[in-house]
Each structure stands twice: as C-alpha cells, then as structure tokens.
Amino acid sequence: MDGIKYAVFTDKSIRLLGKNQYTSNVESGSTRTELKHWVELFFGVKVIAMNSHRLPGKGRRMGPIMGHTMHYRRMIITLQPGYSILPLRKKIKSKKEKNLNQNT
C-alpha cells in the first residue's frame, strides 16, 4: 500500500512509544479506516485509535517564483496493550544504544 510513507522519529514520537503509540507520515488522501485496516493486516496488531493532523507545506523559492512543497498528514496509531510493531522498536533501541555509547 502506498498510504504510509515512512515512520517518524522525533522526541515526541519516541516518548509516545512508551504509551504504545506509533507515529508515521501518510499520504494526504488516505483515510483513517483504510490505514487502520492496512496496519492491522500487515503488522498483525489490533488498533485502538488513530489520531491525525495535517502538516502544512513549506514555501520554496525558485528564482523569482515562490512555490511550496507538498503537505502531508501525520498519523499517531495507538495499539492495544500487548501488541507492538517490532521493526520500529528494534530501530529505536539501536539508536538509543548508539547514542549512549557515543556519550560515554
């Protein structure tokens, strides 16, 4: 499915992982029900809630012409307790371990 573009790794999204919430950027035209159905089938998890907000496109100048980048939506997917999306958990843990090793 082309709905989910990529996972988002910001300070807030890493903090939300403790609450079993996963953040990703999605296509602006996709609906919550489509994405919920796809996440449940693809990852084999149970979704409780999906929150979304639209991020505005940024202005970009190309010479005298002012343009803008595409806007997209960010989804916060809440899973039932006991479920997790493993590839994202492993990636976050490896990033945290790497940062700890660099600081010491």
PDB file of N, CA and C in Angstrom:
ATOM      1  N   MET A   1       0.846  -1.189   0.000  1.00  0.00           N
ATOM      2  CA  MET A   1       0.000   0.000   0.000  1.00  0.00           C
ATOM      3  C   MET A   1       0.880   1.236   0.000  1.00  0.00           C
ATOM      4  N   ASP A   2       0.444   2.249  -0.709  1.00  0.00           N
ATOM      5  CA  ASP A   2       1.214   3.477  -0.807  1.00  0.00           C
ATOM      6  C   ASP A   2       0.791   4.505   0.225  1.00  0.00           C
ATOM      7  N   GLY A   3      -0.119   4.170   1.138  1.00  0.00           N
ATOM      8  CA  GLY A   3      -0.651   5.135   2.094  1.00  0.00           C
ATOM      9  C   GLY A   3       0.367   5.622   3.100  1.00  0.00           C
ATOM     10  N   ILE A   4       1.125   4.709   3.695  1.00  0.00           N
ATOM     11  CA  ILE A   4       2.107   5.096   4.704  1.00  0.00           C
ATOM     12  C   ILE A   4       3.430   5.381   4.009  1.00  0.00           C
ATOM     13  N   LYS A   5       3.960   6.598   4.215  1.00  0.00           N
ATOM     14  CA  LYS A   5       5.221   6.972   3.582  1.00  0.00           C
ATOM     15  C   LYS A   5       6.404   6.448   4.390  1.00  0.00           C
ATOM     16  N   TYR A   6       6.505   6.870   5.651  1.00  0.00           N
ATOM     17  CA  TYR A   6       7.629   6.451   6.481  1.00  0.00           C
ATOM     18  C   TYR A   6       7.317   6.734   7.945  1.00  0.00           C
ATOM     19  N   ALA A   7       8.052   6.075   8.818  1.00  0.00           N
ATOM     20  CA  ALA A   7       7.897   6.288  10.256  1.00  0.00           C
ATOM     21  C   ALA A   7       8.619   7.571  10.650  1.00  0.00           C
ATOM     22  N   VAL A   8       8.106   8.230  11.685  1.00  0.00           N
ATOM     23  CA  VAL A   8       8.671   9.484  12.156  1.00  0.00           C
ATOM     24  C   VAL A   8       9.394   9.227  13.476  1.00  0.00           C
ATOM     25  N   PHE A   9      10.634   9.706  13.596  1.00  0.00           N
ATOM     26  CA  PHE A   9      11.405   9.541  14.821  1.00  0.00           C
ATOM     27  C   PHE A   9      11.802  10.912  15.353  1.00  0.00           C
ATOM     28  N   THR A  10      10.904  11.526  16.115  1.00  0.00           N
ATOM     29  CA  THR A  10      11.178  12.784  16.786  1.00  0.00           C
ATOM     30  C   THR A  10      11.188  12.517  18.284  1.00  0.00           C
ATOM     31  N   ASP A  11      11.504  13.540  19.076  1.00  0.00           N
ATOM     32  CA  ASP A  11      11.490  13.363  20.532  1.00  0.00           C
ATOM     33  C   ASP A  11      10.105  12.964  21.016  1.00  0.00           C
ATOM     34  N   LYS A  12       9.087  13.604  20.465  1.00  0.00           N
ATOM     35  CA  LYS A  12       7.722  13.290  20.883  1.00  0.00           C
ATOM     36  C   LYS A  12       7.333  11.874  20.471  1.00  0.00           C
ATOM     37  N   SER A  13       7.673  11.469  19.251  1.00  0.00           N
ATOM     38  CA  SER A  13       7.273  10.133  18.802  1.00  0.00           C
ATOM     39  C   SER A  13       7.989   9.045  19.598  1.00  0.00           C
ATOM     40  N   ILE A  14       9.230   9.284  19.989  1.00  0.00           N
ATOM     41  CA  ILE A  14       9.947   8.312  20.820  1.00  0.00           C
ATOM     42  C   ILE A  14       9.315   8.239  22.202  1.00  0.00           C
ATOM     43  N   ARG A  15       8.882   9.379  22.730  1.00  0.00           N
ATOM     44  CA  ARG A  15       8.199   9.394  24.030  1.00  0.00           C
ATOM     45  C   ARG A  15       6.864   8.656  23.948  1.00  0.00           C
ATOM     46  N   LEU A  16       6.155   8.784  22.822  1.00  0.00           N
ATOM     47  CA  LEU A  16       4.864   8.118  22.657  1.00  0.00           C
ATOM     48  C   LEU A  16       4.996   6.603  22.533  1.00  0.00           C
ATOM     49  N   LEU A  17       6.174   6.102  22.159  1.00  0.00           N
ATOM     50  CA  LEU A  17       6.366   4.655  22.076  1.00  0.00           C
ATOM     51  C   LEU A  17       6.145   3.993  23.428  1.00  0.00           C
ATOM     52  N   GLY A  18       6.424   4.718  24.516  1.00  0.00           N
ATOM     53  CA  GLY A  18       6.177   4.185  25.854  1.00  0.00           C
ATOM     54  C   GLY A  18       4.698   3.982  26.129  1.00  0.00           C
ATOM     55  N   LYS A  19       3.844   4.708  25.418  1.00  0.00           N
ATOM     56  CA  LYS A  19       2.389   4.571  25.562  1.00  0.00           C
ATOM     57  C   LYS A  19       1.805   3.665  24.485  1.00  0.00           C
ATOM     58  N   ASN A  20       2.678   2.940  23.776  1.00  0.00           N
ATOM     59  CA  ASN A  20       2.272   2.019  22.713  1.00  0.00           C
ATOM     60  C   ASN A  20       1.609   2.766  21.548  1.00  0.00           C
ATOM     61  N   GLN A  21       2.149   3.958  21.232  1.00  0.00           N
ATOM     62  CA  GLN A  21       1.661   4.760  20.122  1.00  0.00           C
ATOM     63  C   GLN A  21       2.788   4.934  19.110  1.00  0.00           C
ATOM     64  N   TYR A  22       2.469   4.730  17.843  1.00  0.00           N
ATOM     65  CA  TYR A  22       3.450   4.804  16.770  1.00  0.00           C
ATOM     66  C   TYR A  22       3.080   5.943  15.834  1.00  0.00           C
ATOM     67  N   THR A  23       4.083   6.678  15.360  1.00  0.00           N
ATOM     68  CA  THR A  23       3.868   7.854  14.533  1.00  0.00           C
ATOM     69  C   THR A  23       4.449   7.630  13.142  1.00  0.00           C
ATOM     70  N   SER A  24       3.685   8.015  12.120  1.00  0.00           N
ATOM     71  CA  SER A  24       4.186   7.911  10.749  1.00  0.00           C
ATOM     72  C   SER A  24       3.525   8.971   9.881  1.00  0.00           C
ATOM     73  N   ASN A  25       4.221   9.342   8.819  1.00  0.00           N
ATOM     74  CA  ASN A  25       3.659  10.250   7.830  1.00  0.00           C
ATOM     75  C   ASN A  25       2.956   9.425   6.769  1.00  0.00           C
ATOM     76  N   VAL A  26       1.788   9.911   6.340  1.00  0.00           N
ATOM     77  CA  VAL A  26       0.976   9.165   5.388  1.00  0.00           C
ATOM     78  C   VAL A  26       0.572  10.080   4.240  1.00  0.00           C
ATOM     79  N   GLU A  27       0.053   9.486   3.181  1.00  0.00           N
ATOM     80  CA  GLU A  27      -0.461  10.254   2.049  1.00  0.00           C
ATOM     81  C   GLU A  27      -1.625  11.116   2.526  1.00  0.00           C
ATOM     82  N   SER A  28      -1.746  12.318   1.992  1.00  0.00           N
ATOM     83  CA  SER A  28      -2.792  13.222   2.459  1.00  0.00           C
ATOM     84  C   SER A  28      -4.185  12.764   2.045  1.00  0.00           C
ATOM     85  N   GLY A  29      -4.297  11.934   1.019  1.00  0.00           N
ATOM     86  CA  GLY A  29      -5.602  11.491   0.548  1.00  0.00           C
ATOM     87  C   GLY A  29      -6.112  10.219   1.195  1.00  0.00           C
ATOM     88  N   SER A  30      -5.301   9.538   1.984  1.00  0.00           N
ATOM     89  CA  SER A  30      -5.730   8.269   2.581  1.00  0.00           C
ATOM     90  C   SER A  30      -6.599   8.521   3.813  1.00  0.00           C
ATOM     91  N   THR A  31      -7.543   7.621   4.053  1.00  0.00           N
ATOM     92  CA  THR A  31      -8.466   7.775   5.172  1.00  0.00           C
ATOM     93  C   THR A  31      -8.009   6.950   6.363  1.00  0.00           C
ATOM     94  N   ARG A  32      -8.574   7.264   7.524  1.00  0.00           N
ATOM     95  CA  ARG A  32      -8.219   6.542   8.746  1.00  0.00           C
ATOM     96  C   ARG A  32      -8.614   5.075   8.663  1.00  0.00           C
ATOM     97  N   THR A  33      -9.790   4.798   8.121  1.00  0.00           N
ATOM     98  CA  THR A  33     -10.249   3.411   8.073  1.00  0.00           C
ATOM     99  C   THR A  33      -9.380   2.576   7.144  1.00  0.00           C
ATOM    100  N   GLU A  34      -8.947   3.150   6.016  1.00  0.00           N
ATOM    101  CA  GLU A  34      -8.033   2.438   5.122  1.00  0.00           C
ATOM    102  C   GLU A  34      -6.733   2.102   5.838  1.00  0.00           C
ATOM    103  N   LEU A  35      -6.157   3.108   6.497  1.00  0.00           N
ATOM    104  CA  LEU A  35      -4.885   2.905   7.171  1.00  0.00           C
ATOM    105  C   LEU A  35      -5.007   1.939   8.343  1.00  0.00           C
ATOM    106  N   LYS A  36      -6.103   2.022   9.086  1.00  0.00           N
ATOM    107  CA  LYS A  36      -6.305   1.110  10.214  1.00  0.00           C
ATOM    108  C   LYS A  36      -6.384  -0.328   9.713  1.00  0.00           C
ATOM    109  N   HIS A  37      -7.157  -0.543   8.670  1.00  0.00           N
ATOM    110  CA  HIS A  37      -7.305  -1.885   8.109  1.00  0.00           C
ATOM    111  C   HIS A  37      -5.962  -2.402   7.604  1.00  0.00           C
ATOM    112  N   TRP A  38      -5.202  -1.561   6.917  1.00  0.00           N
ATOM    113  CA  TRP A  38      -3.918  -1.975   6.375  1.00  0.00           C
ATOM    114  C   TRP A  38      -2.910  -2.298   7.476  1.00  0.00           C
ATOM    115  N   VAL A  39      -2.839  -1.460   8.525  1.00  0.00           N
ATOM    116  CA  VAL A  39      -1.895  -1.697   9.626  1.00  0.00           C
ATOM    117  C   VAL A  39      -2.231  -2.995  10.339  1.00  0.00           C
ATOM    118  N   GLU A  40      -3.525  -3.244  10.574  1.00  0.00           N
ATOM    119  CA  GLU A  40      -3.927  -4.476  11.258  1.00  0.00           C
ATOM    120  C   GLU A  40      -3.575  -5.707  10.427  1.00  0.00           C
ATOM    121  N   LEU A  41      -3.754  -5.656   9.114  1.00  0.00           N
ATOM    122  CA  LEU A  41      -3.430  -6.802   8.268  1.00  0.00           C
ATOM    123  C   LEU A  41      -1.922  -6.994   8.097  1.00  0.00           C
ATOM    124  N   PHE A  42      -1.214  -5.914   7.843  1.00  0.00           N
ATOM    125  CA  PHE A  42       0.207  -6.016   7.518  1.00  0.00           C
ATOM    126  C   PHE A  42       1.055  -6.378   8.737  1.00  0.00           C
ATOM    127  N   PHE A  43       0.803  -5.726   9.879  1.00  0.00           N
ATOM    128  CA  PHE A  43       1.619  -5.957  11.068  1.00  0.00           C
ATOM    129  C   PHE A  43       1.016  -6.983  12.020  1.00  0.00           C
ATOM    130  N   GLY A  44      -0.246  -7.370  11.826  1.00  0.00           N
ATOM    131  CA  GLY A  44      -0.883  -8.346  12.699  1.00  0.00           C
ATOM    132  C   GLY A  44      -1.110  -7.817  14.102  1.00  0.00           C
ATOM    133  N   VAL A  45      -1.531  -6.560  14.221  1.00  0.00           N
ATOM    134  CA  VAL A  45      -1.774  -5.923  15.516  1.00  0.00           C
ATOM    135  C   VAL A  45      -3.223  -5.473  15.591  1.00  0.00           C
ATOM    136  N   LYS A  46      -3.656  -5.051  16.764  1.00  0.00           N
ATOM    137  CA  LYS A  46      -5.010  -4.544  16.968  1.00  0.00           C
ATOM    138  C   LYS A  46      -4.912  -3.050  17.277  1.00  0.00           C
ATOM    139  N   VAL A  47      -5.558  -2.230  16.463  1.00  0.00           N
ATOM    140  CA  VAL A  47      -5.502  -0.776  16.605  1.00  0.00           C
ATOM    141  C   VAL A  47      -6.685  -0.304  17.435  1.00  0.00           C
ATOM    142  N   ILE A  48      -6.411   0.492  18.485  1.00  0.00           N
ATOM    143  CA  ILE A  48      -7.473   1.073  19.311  1.00  0.00           C
ATOM    144  C   ILE A  48      -7.940   2.394  18.712  1.00  0.00           C
ATOM    145  N   ALA A  49      -6.983   3.291  18.425  1.00  0.00           N
ATOM    146  CA  ALA A  49      -7.338   4.630  17.957  1.00  0.00           C
ATOM    147  C   ALA A  49      -6.300   5.126  16.961  1.00  0.00           C
ATOM    148  N   MET A  50      -6.730   6.078  16.137  1.00  0.00           N
ATOM    149  CA  MET A  50      -5.835   6.732  15.191  1.00  0.00           C
ATOM    150  C   MET A  50      -6.115   8.228  15.231  1.00  0.00           C
ATOM    151  N   ASN A  51      -5.097   9.002  15.548  1.00  0.00           N
ATOM    152  CA  ASN A  51      -5.208  10.454  15.546  1.00  0.00           C
ATOM    153  C   ASN A  51      -4.371  10.989  14.393  1.00  0.00           C
ATOM    154  N   SER A  52      -4.840  12.063  13.778  1.00  0.00           N
ATOM    155  CA  SER A  52      -4.084  12.612  12.657  1.00  0.00           C
ATOM    156  C   SER A  52      -4.146  14.127  12.682  1.00  0.00           C
ATOM    157  N   HIS A  53      -3.127  14.726  12.109  1.00  0.00           N
ATOM    158  CA  HIS A  53      -3.143  16.163  11.867  1.00  0.00           C
ATOM    159  C   HIS A  53      -2.389  16.430  10.577  1.00  0.00           C
ATOM    160  N   ARG A  54      -2.743  17.524   9.934  1.00  0.00           N
ATOM    161  CA  ARG A  54      -2.177  17.871   8.634  1.00  0.00           C
ATOM    162  C   ARG A  54      -1.035  18.848   8.843  1.00  0.00           C
ATOM    163  N   LEU A  55       0.112  18.515   8.313  1.00  0.00           N
ATOM    164  CA  LEU A  55       1.273  19.388   8.393  1.00  0.00           C
ATOM    165  C   LEU A  55       1.328  20.233   7.123  1.00  0.00           C
ATOM    166  N   PRO A  56       1.507  21.538   7.254  1.00  0.00           N
ATOM    167  CA  PRO A  56       1.487  22.395   6.067  1.00  0.00           C
ATOM    168  C   PRO A  56       2.751  22.231   5.232  1.00  0.00           C
ATOM    169  N   GLY A  57       2.618  22.522   3.935  1.00  0.00           N
ATOM    170  CA  GLY A  57       3.781  22.522   3.057  1.00  0.00           C
ATOM    171  C   GLY A  57       4.608  23.772   3.300  1.00  0.00           C
ATOM    172  N   LYS A  58       5.902  23.670   3.105  1.00  0.00           N
ATOM    173  CA  LYS A  58       6.783  24.808   3.335  1.00  0.00           C
ATOM    174  C   LYS A  58       6.990  25.570   2.028  1.00  0.00           C
ATOM    175  N   GLY A  59       7.195  26.868   2.142  1.00  0.00           N
ATOM    176  CA  GLY A  59       7.445  27.693   0.970  1.00  0.00           C
ATOM    177  C   GLY A  59       8.851  27.485   0.437  1.00  0.00           C
ATOM    178  N   ARG A  60       8.989  27.386  -0.857  1.00  0.00           N
ATOM    179  CA  ARG A  60      10.289  27.228  -1.506  1.00  0.00           C
ATOM    180  C   ARG A  60      10.371  28.208  -2.671  1.00  0.00           C
ATOM    181  N   ARG A  61      11.498  28.891  -2.761  1.00  0.00           N
ATOM    182  CA  ARG A  61      11.687  29.870  -3.823  1.00  0.00           C
ATOM    183  C   ARG A  61      12.591  29.279  -4.898  1.00  0.00           C
ATOM    184  N   MET A  62      12.155  29.429  -6.151  1.00  0.00           N
ATOM    185  CA  MET A  62      12.964  29.023  -7.299  1.00  0.00           C
ATOM    186  C   MET A  62      13.137  30.269  -8.165  1.00  0.00           C
ATOM    187  N   GLY A  63      14.157  31.053  -7.876  1.00  0.00           N
ATOM    188  CA  GLY A  63      14.350  32.323  -8.564  1.00  0.00           C
ATOM    189  C   GLY A  63      13.275  33.302  -8.116  1.00  0.00           C
ATOM    190  N   PRO A  64      12.617  33.971  -9.051  1.00  0.00           N
ATOM    191  CA  PRO A  64      11.582  34.933  -8.664  1.00  0.00           C
ATOM    192  C   PRO A  64      10.233  34.285  -8.335  1.00  0.00           C
ATOM    193  N   ILE A  65      10.118  32.990  -8.581  1.00  0.00           N
ATOM    194  CA  ILE A  65       8.833  32.317  -8.392  1.00  0.00           C
ATOM    195  C   ILE A  65       8.801  31.657  -7.024  1.00  0.00           C
ATOM    196  N   MET A  66       7.730  31.910  -6.288  1.00  0.00           N
ATOM    197  CA  MET A  66       7.562  31.297  -4.970  1.00  0.00           C
ATOM    198  C   MET A  66       6.682  30.068  -5.117  1.00  0.00           C
ATOM    199  N   GLY A  67       7.195  28.927  -4.734  1.00  0.00           N
ATOM    200  CA  GLY A  67       6.432  27.684  -4.782  1.00  0.00           C
ATOM    201  C   GLY A  67       6.273  27.125  -3.383  1.00  0.00           C
ATOM    202  N   HIS A  68       5.842  25.890  -3.284  1.00  0.00           N
ATOM    203  CA  HIS A  68       5.713  25.255  -1.976  1.00  0.00           C
ATOM    204  C   HIS A  68       5.873  23.750  -2.121  1.00  0.00           C
ATOM    205  N   THR A  69       6.253  23.114  -1.025  1.00  0.00           N
ATOM    206  CA  THR A  69       6.360  21.662  -1.019  1.00  0.00           C
ATOM    207  C   THR A  69       4.984  21.073  -0.739  1.00  0.00           C
ATOM    208  N   MET A  70       4.845  19.784  -0.980  1.00  0.00           N
ATOM    209  CA  MET A  70       3.562  19.124  -0.748  1.00  0.00           C
ATOM    210  C   MET A  70       3.285  19.025   0.750  1.00  0.00           C
ATOM    211  N   HIS A  71       2.020  19.141   1.127  1.00  0.00           N
ATOM    212  CA  HIS A  71       1.656  18.917   2.518  1.00  0.00           C
ATOM    213  C   HIS A  71       1.335  17.441   2.703  1.00  0.00           C
ATOM    214  N   TYR A  72       1.419  16.985   3.933  1.00  0.00           N
ATOM    215  CA  TYR A  72       1.133  15.592   4.222  1.00  0.00           C
ATOM    216  C   TYR A  72       0.493  15.488   5.594  1.00  0.00           C
ATOM    217  N   ARG A  73       0.028  14.314   5.925  1.00  0.00           N
ATOM    218  CA  ARG A  73      -0.622  14.075   7.209  1.00  0.00           C
ATOM    219  C   ARG A  73       0.272  13.221   8.077  1.00  0.00           C
ATOM    220  N   ARG A  74       0.167  13.435   9.366  1.00  0.00           N
ATOM    221  CA  ARG A  74       0.884  12.607  10.332  1.00  0.00           C
ATOM    222  C   ARG A  74      -0.142  11.857  11.163  1.00  0.00           C
ATOM    223  N   MET A  75       0.010  10.531  11.217  1.00  0.00           N
ATOM    224  CA  MET A  75      -0.908   9.678  11.975  1.00  0.00           C
ATOM    225  C   MET A  75      -0.211   9.173  13.228  1.00  0.00           C
ATOM    226  N   ILE A  76      -0.941   9.199  14.341  1.00  0.00           N
ATOM    227  CA  ILE A  76      -0.485   8.585  15.581  1.00  0.00           C
ATOM    228  C   ILE A  76      -1.393   7.393  15.821  1.00  0.00           C
ATOM    229  N   ILE A  77      -0.822   6.195  15.743  1.00  0.00           N
ATOM    230  CA  ILE A  77      -1.578   4.949  15.820  1.00  0.00           C
ATOM    231  C   ILE A  77      -1.402   4.367  17.211  1.00  0.00           C
ATOM    232  N   THR A  78      -2.513   4.166  17.935  1.00  0.00           N
ATOM    233  CA  THR A  78      -2.481   3.585  19.270  1.00  0.00           C
ATOM    234  C   THR A  78      -2.872   2.122  19.182  1.00  0.00           C
ATOM    235  N   LEU A  79      -2.018   1.249  19.714  1.00  0.00           N
ATOM    236  CA  LEU A  79      -2.263  -0.189  19.686  1.00  0.00           C
ATOM    237  C   LEU A  79      -2.768  -0.675  21.037  1.00  0.00           C
ATOM    238  N   GLN A  80      -3.457  -1.815  21.017  1.00  0.00           N
ATOM    239  CA  GLN A  80      -3.904  -2.427  22.263  1.00  0.00           C
ATOM    240  C   GLN A  80      -2.692  -2.880  23.060  1.00  0.00           C
ATOM    241  N   PRO A  81      -2.805  -2.906  24.401  1.00  0.00           N
ATOM    242  CA  PRO A  81      -1.691  -3.408  25.220  1.00  0.00           C
ATOM    243  C   PRO A  81      -1.354  -4.849  24.841  1.00  0.00           C
ATOM    244  N   GLY A  82      -0.073  -5.142  24.802  1.00  0.00           N
ATOM    245  CA  GLY A  82       0.378  -6.477  24.426  1.00  0.00           C
ATOM    246  C   GLY A  82       0.803  -6.583  22.972  1.00  0.00           C
ATOM    247  N   TYR A  83       0.446  -5.620  22.139  1.00  0.00           N
ATOM    248  CA  TYR A  83       0.835  -5.608  20.729  1.00  0.00           C
ATOM    249  C   TYR A  83       1.940  -4.572  20.521  1.00  0.00           C
ATOM    250  N   SER A  84       2.804  -4.823  19.566  1.00  0.00           N
ATOM    251  CA  SER A  84       3.818  -3.841  19.191  1.00  0.00           C
ATOM    252  C   SER A  84       4.237  -4.099  17.746  1.00  0.00           C
ATOM    253  N   ILE A  85       4.819  -3.078  17.148  1.00  0.00           N
ATOM    254  CA  ILE A  85       5.355  -3.199  15.799  1.00  0.00           C
ATOM    255  C   ILE A  85       6.863  -3.360  15.967  1.00  0.00           C
ATOM    256  N   LEU A  86       7.355  -4.573  15.822  1.00  0.00           N
ATOM    257  CA  LEU A  86       8.727  -4.917  16.186  1.00  0.00           C
ATOM    258  C   LEU A  86       9.810  -4.192  15.402  1.00  0.00           C
ATOM    259  N   PRO A  87       9.733  -4.024  14.083  1.00  0.00           N
ATOM    260  CA  PRO A  87      10.837  -3.343  13.389  1.00  0.00           C
ATOM    261  C   PRO A  87      11.094  -1.942  13.925  1.00  0.00           C
ATOM    262  N   LEU A  88      10.045  -1.232  14.324  1.00  0.00           N
ATOM    263  CA  LEU A  88      10.230   0.117  14.850  1.00  0.00           C
ATOM    264  C   LEU A  88      10.849   0.074  16.236  1.00  0.00           C
ATOM    265  N   ARG A  89      10.457  -0.860  17.070  1.00  0.00           N
ATOM    266  CA  ARG A  89      11.032  -0.994  18.410  1.00  0.00           C
ATOM    267  C   ARG A  89      12.530  -1.275  18.328  1.00  0.00           C
ATOM    268  N   LYS A  90      12.936  -2.182  17.446  1.00  0.00           N
ATOM    269  CA  LYS A  90      14.347  -2.532  17.321  1.00  0.00           C
ATOM    270  C   LYS A  90      15.160  -1.339  16.840  1.00  0.00           C
ATOM    271  N   LYS A  91      14.623  -0.571  15.904  1.00  0.00           N
ATOM    272  CA  LYS A  91      15.346   0.569  15.355  1.00  0.00           C
ATOM    273  C   LYS A  91      15.557   1.637  16.426  1.00  0.00           C
ATOM    274  N   ILE A  92      14.523   1.897  17.236  1.00  0.00           N
ATOM    275  CA  ILE A  92      14.634   2.901  18.288  1.00  0.00           C
ATOM    276  C   ILE A  92      15.639   2.452  19.338  1.00  0.00           C
ATOM    277  N   LYS A  93      15.589   1.176  19.746  1.00  0.00           N
ATOM    278  CA  LYS A  93      16.525   0.681  20.758  1.00  0.00           C
ATOM    279  C   LYS A  93      17.960   0.785  20.269  1.00  0.00           C
ATOM    280  N   SER A  94      18.205   0.455  19.009  1.00  0.00           N
ATOM    281  CA  SER A  94      19.571   0.530  18.492  1.00  0.00           C
ATOM    282  C   SER A  94      20.051   1.980  18.434  1.00  0.00           C
ATOM    283  N   LYS A  95      19.164   2.934  18.135  1.00  0.00           N
ATOM    284  CA  LYS A  95      19.541   4.345  18.129  1.00  0.00           C
ATOM    285  C   LYS A  95      19.895   4.812  19.532  1.00  0.00           C
ATOM    286  N   LYS A  96      19.090   4.412  20.539  1.00  0.00           N
ATOM    287  CA  LYS A  96      19.364   4.815  21.914  1.00  0.00           C
ATOM    288  C   LYS A  96      20.692   4.239  22.388  1.00  0.00           C
ATOM    289  N   GLU A  97      20.964   2.963  22.091  1.00  0.00           N
ATOM    290  CA  GLU A  97      22.219   2.340  22.495  1.00  0.00           C
ATOM    291  C   GLU A  97      23.401   3.021  21.819  1.00  0.00           C
ATOM    292  N   LYS A  98      23.251   3.390  20.569  1.00  0.00           N
ATOM    293  CA  LYS A  98      24.319   4.059  19.836  1.00  0.00           C
ATOM    294  C   LYS A  98      24.627   5.414  20.467  1.00  0.00           C
ATOM    295  N   ASN A  99      23.583   6.164  20.846  1.00  0.00           N
ATOM    296  CA  ASN A  99      23.777   7.466  21.479  1.00  0.00           C
ATOM    297  C   ASN A  99      24.436   7.319  22.839  1.00  0.00           C
ATOM    298  N   LEU A 100      24.059   6.295  23.614  1.00  0.00           N
ATOM    299  CA  LEU A 100      24.667   6.077  24.921  1.00  0.00           C
ATOM    300  C   LEU A 100      26.145   5.727  24.779  1.00  0.00           C
ATOM    301  N   ASN A 101      26.492   4.925  23.789  1.00  0.00           N
ATOM    302  CA  ASN A 101      27.891   4.555  23.581  1.00  0.00           C
ATOM    303  C   ASN A 101      28.732   5.747  23.148  1.00  0.00           C
ATOM    304  N   GLN A 102      28.164   6.667  22.398  1.00  0.00           N
ATOM    305  CA  GLN A 102      28.900   7.851  21.963  1.00  0.00           C
ATOM    306  C   GLN A 102      29.120   8.815  23.116  1.00  0.00           C
ATOM    307  N   ASN A 103      28.173   8.886  24.056  1.00  0.00           N
ATOM    308  CA  ASN A 103      28.278   9.818  25.173  1.00  0.00           C
ATOM    309  C   ASN A 103      29.279   9.350  26.225  1.00  0.00           C
ATOM    310  N   THR A 104      29.550   8.057  26.295  1.00  0.00           N
ATOM    311  CA  THR A 104      30.479   7.561  27.322  1.00  0.00           C
ATOM    312  C   THR A 104      31.881   7.411  26.814  1.00  0.00           C
TER     313      THR A 104
END
